[in-house]
């Protein structure tokens, strides 16, 4: 059996630590195996299996059911794509309308999975134990049992059958949970991964409005997710924002000042394992007006993206490119690049980064020491090298001056655009007035043409009547001609009979003598 991919959740509390293996062998083909990392997590694995079997009945079989093998769960490999991939593809290539249409389709699908209870909602003790918060809602649609892990990555689309299959039933609770929270978790996880790409097309406010989630509800759900549920899974160490095993010594003002005056800054690249940045490499550099290509070597497996912390203090940063290379025996093979040619499309960033421009370089201002870039990259096995072509300004004043210049430039640009818009509006108004005159003239012409058409219709009707009379007269004359022809035919027959008679022939000499005498 060959292990193609492995994911570990060691950052969780021992009761929830799992290992997920993507394997392949000649007999069984490709499979996914999920098991606990310790005996403490065996109960969690059993709960996943029981939740899966229970939800398979409720969801009318729309769940991928594993085989239970001792303390492991074995899932078959499916062909198709996740809703995460489908929505991202629509977002990048099919536009806002298609994305919203698919998001609405997903929401309807989630609503259709099981029946809900509607009305007043108050958190029970089990709810407060997991989410750490006591809430009351005047009106809510709730589900029980509640599978809160229905994120886009966990719903698979079987293309040939055009149906959905739910891949993971890990976090299922036997008490009422608002259905809106489940939908919020779906879009929130998607937003965290692709906020840059999403932000270019649609705002989070529009997404929440589509799902009928108010601002107050979104803030409440955010607290449930980040401040409490993640603590339920990872423990109190999660509250620091960085797991304690990877916690760094905080920067003091003295250290920041020292870094500035010593002309030094740090660039870090981190690789995630189950959304925890387990592996990191740091490169310390001097400020420079020139671009520097920094290399970071790794030999560890990681998930579908990398995190880059470009500088550990406020500064102006320019990135020309980020490249991922696979280390082969005799050469480097470039497998991915993010630069101006790709329009930095796969690059997202934390909220404390202020984007200045995207052109030949990706320019931004870091507002404090915790600045993160997130880059989605293809899965790459074995040793890799990540190259970052970066330039960082010497001090924050450069960035401030740059922003002031950009703001002034933007102000002038908008002023010019405003003037152009006013000119265009005036020109459009003139064109509208001219078109209105043209329409009025055309109306008069059409009215005149309409009168002429009516006159011609009357004349035409009169001529039709005359033509009918003439045809009738012609028909009568034809009948008379036919009658006269018959009379002539009869007379001719009489003449022929007389001419051919014996008496007529005998008296011919007498008639001849008579005609001769008359001439004399």
Foldseek 3Di string as FASTA:
>chain_A
DAFPAKFWDVLWDQLQTKIWTFDADPPQGTKIKIFHPDPSNLVLLVVFQVLQVVLCVLQVNQAFHFDDDPSMTITHDADAFFLLVVLLCCLVPVADVVNLVVLLVVLVSLPPRHAWDWAKDWDDPVRCQQQVDTDIDGIFTWDFQDQLPPARRQWGARVVVRDIHGYTRSDTHGDIDGPLLSSLVRVVVSCVQQVPSCVVGDDPVVSCVSVVQDPVNSVVSVSSPQVGNRCSTNNPQCVVVARPVPDDDDDDPVNVVVCLVVQKWKKKKFFARPNHRDDMDIDMDGADPAWDKDKDKDFDFGDFKMKMQGTQFWWKKKWQKKWKWDDDDPDTHTQDMQHQVVQNNQKDWDPQWAFQDGHSIGIITHNGRDIMIMGGHDGDHGMMMMIITMHIHSDCVVVVVVVVVSVVVVVVVVVVVVVVVVVVVVVVVVVVVVVVVVVVVVVVVVVVVVVVVVVVVVVVVVVVVVVVVVVVVVVVVVVVVVVVVVVVVVVVVVVVVLCPDPVNVVCVVVVVVVVVVVVD
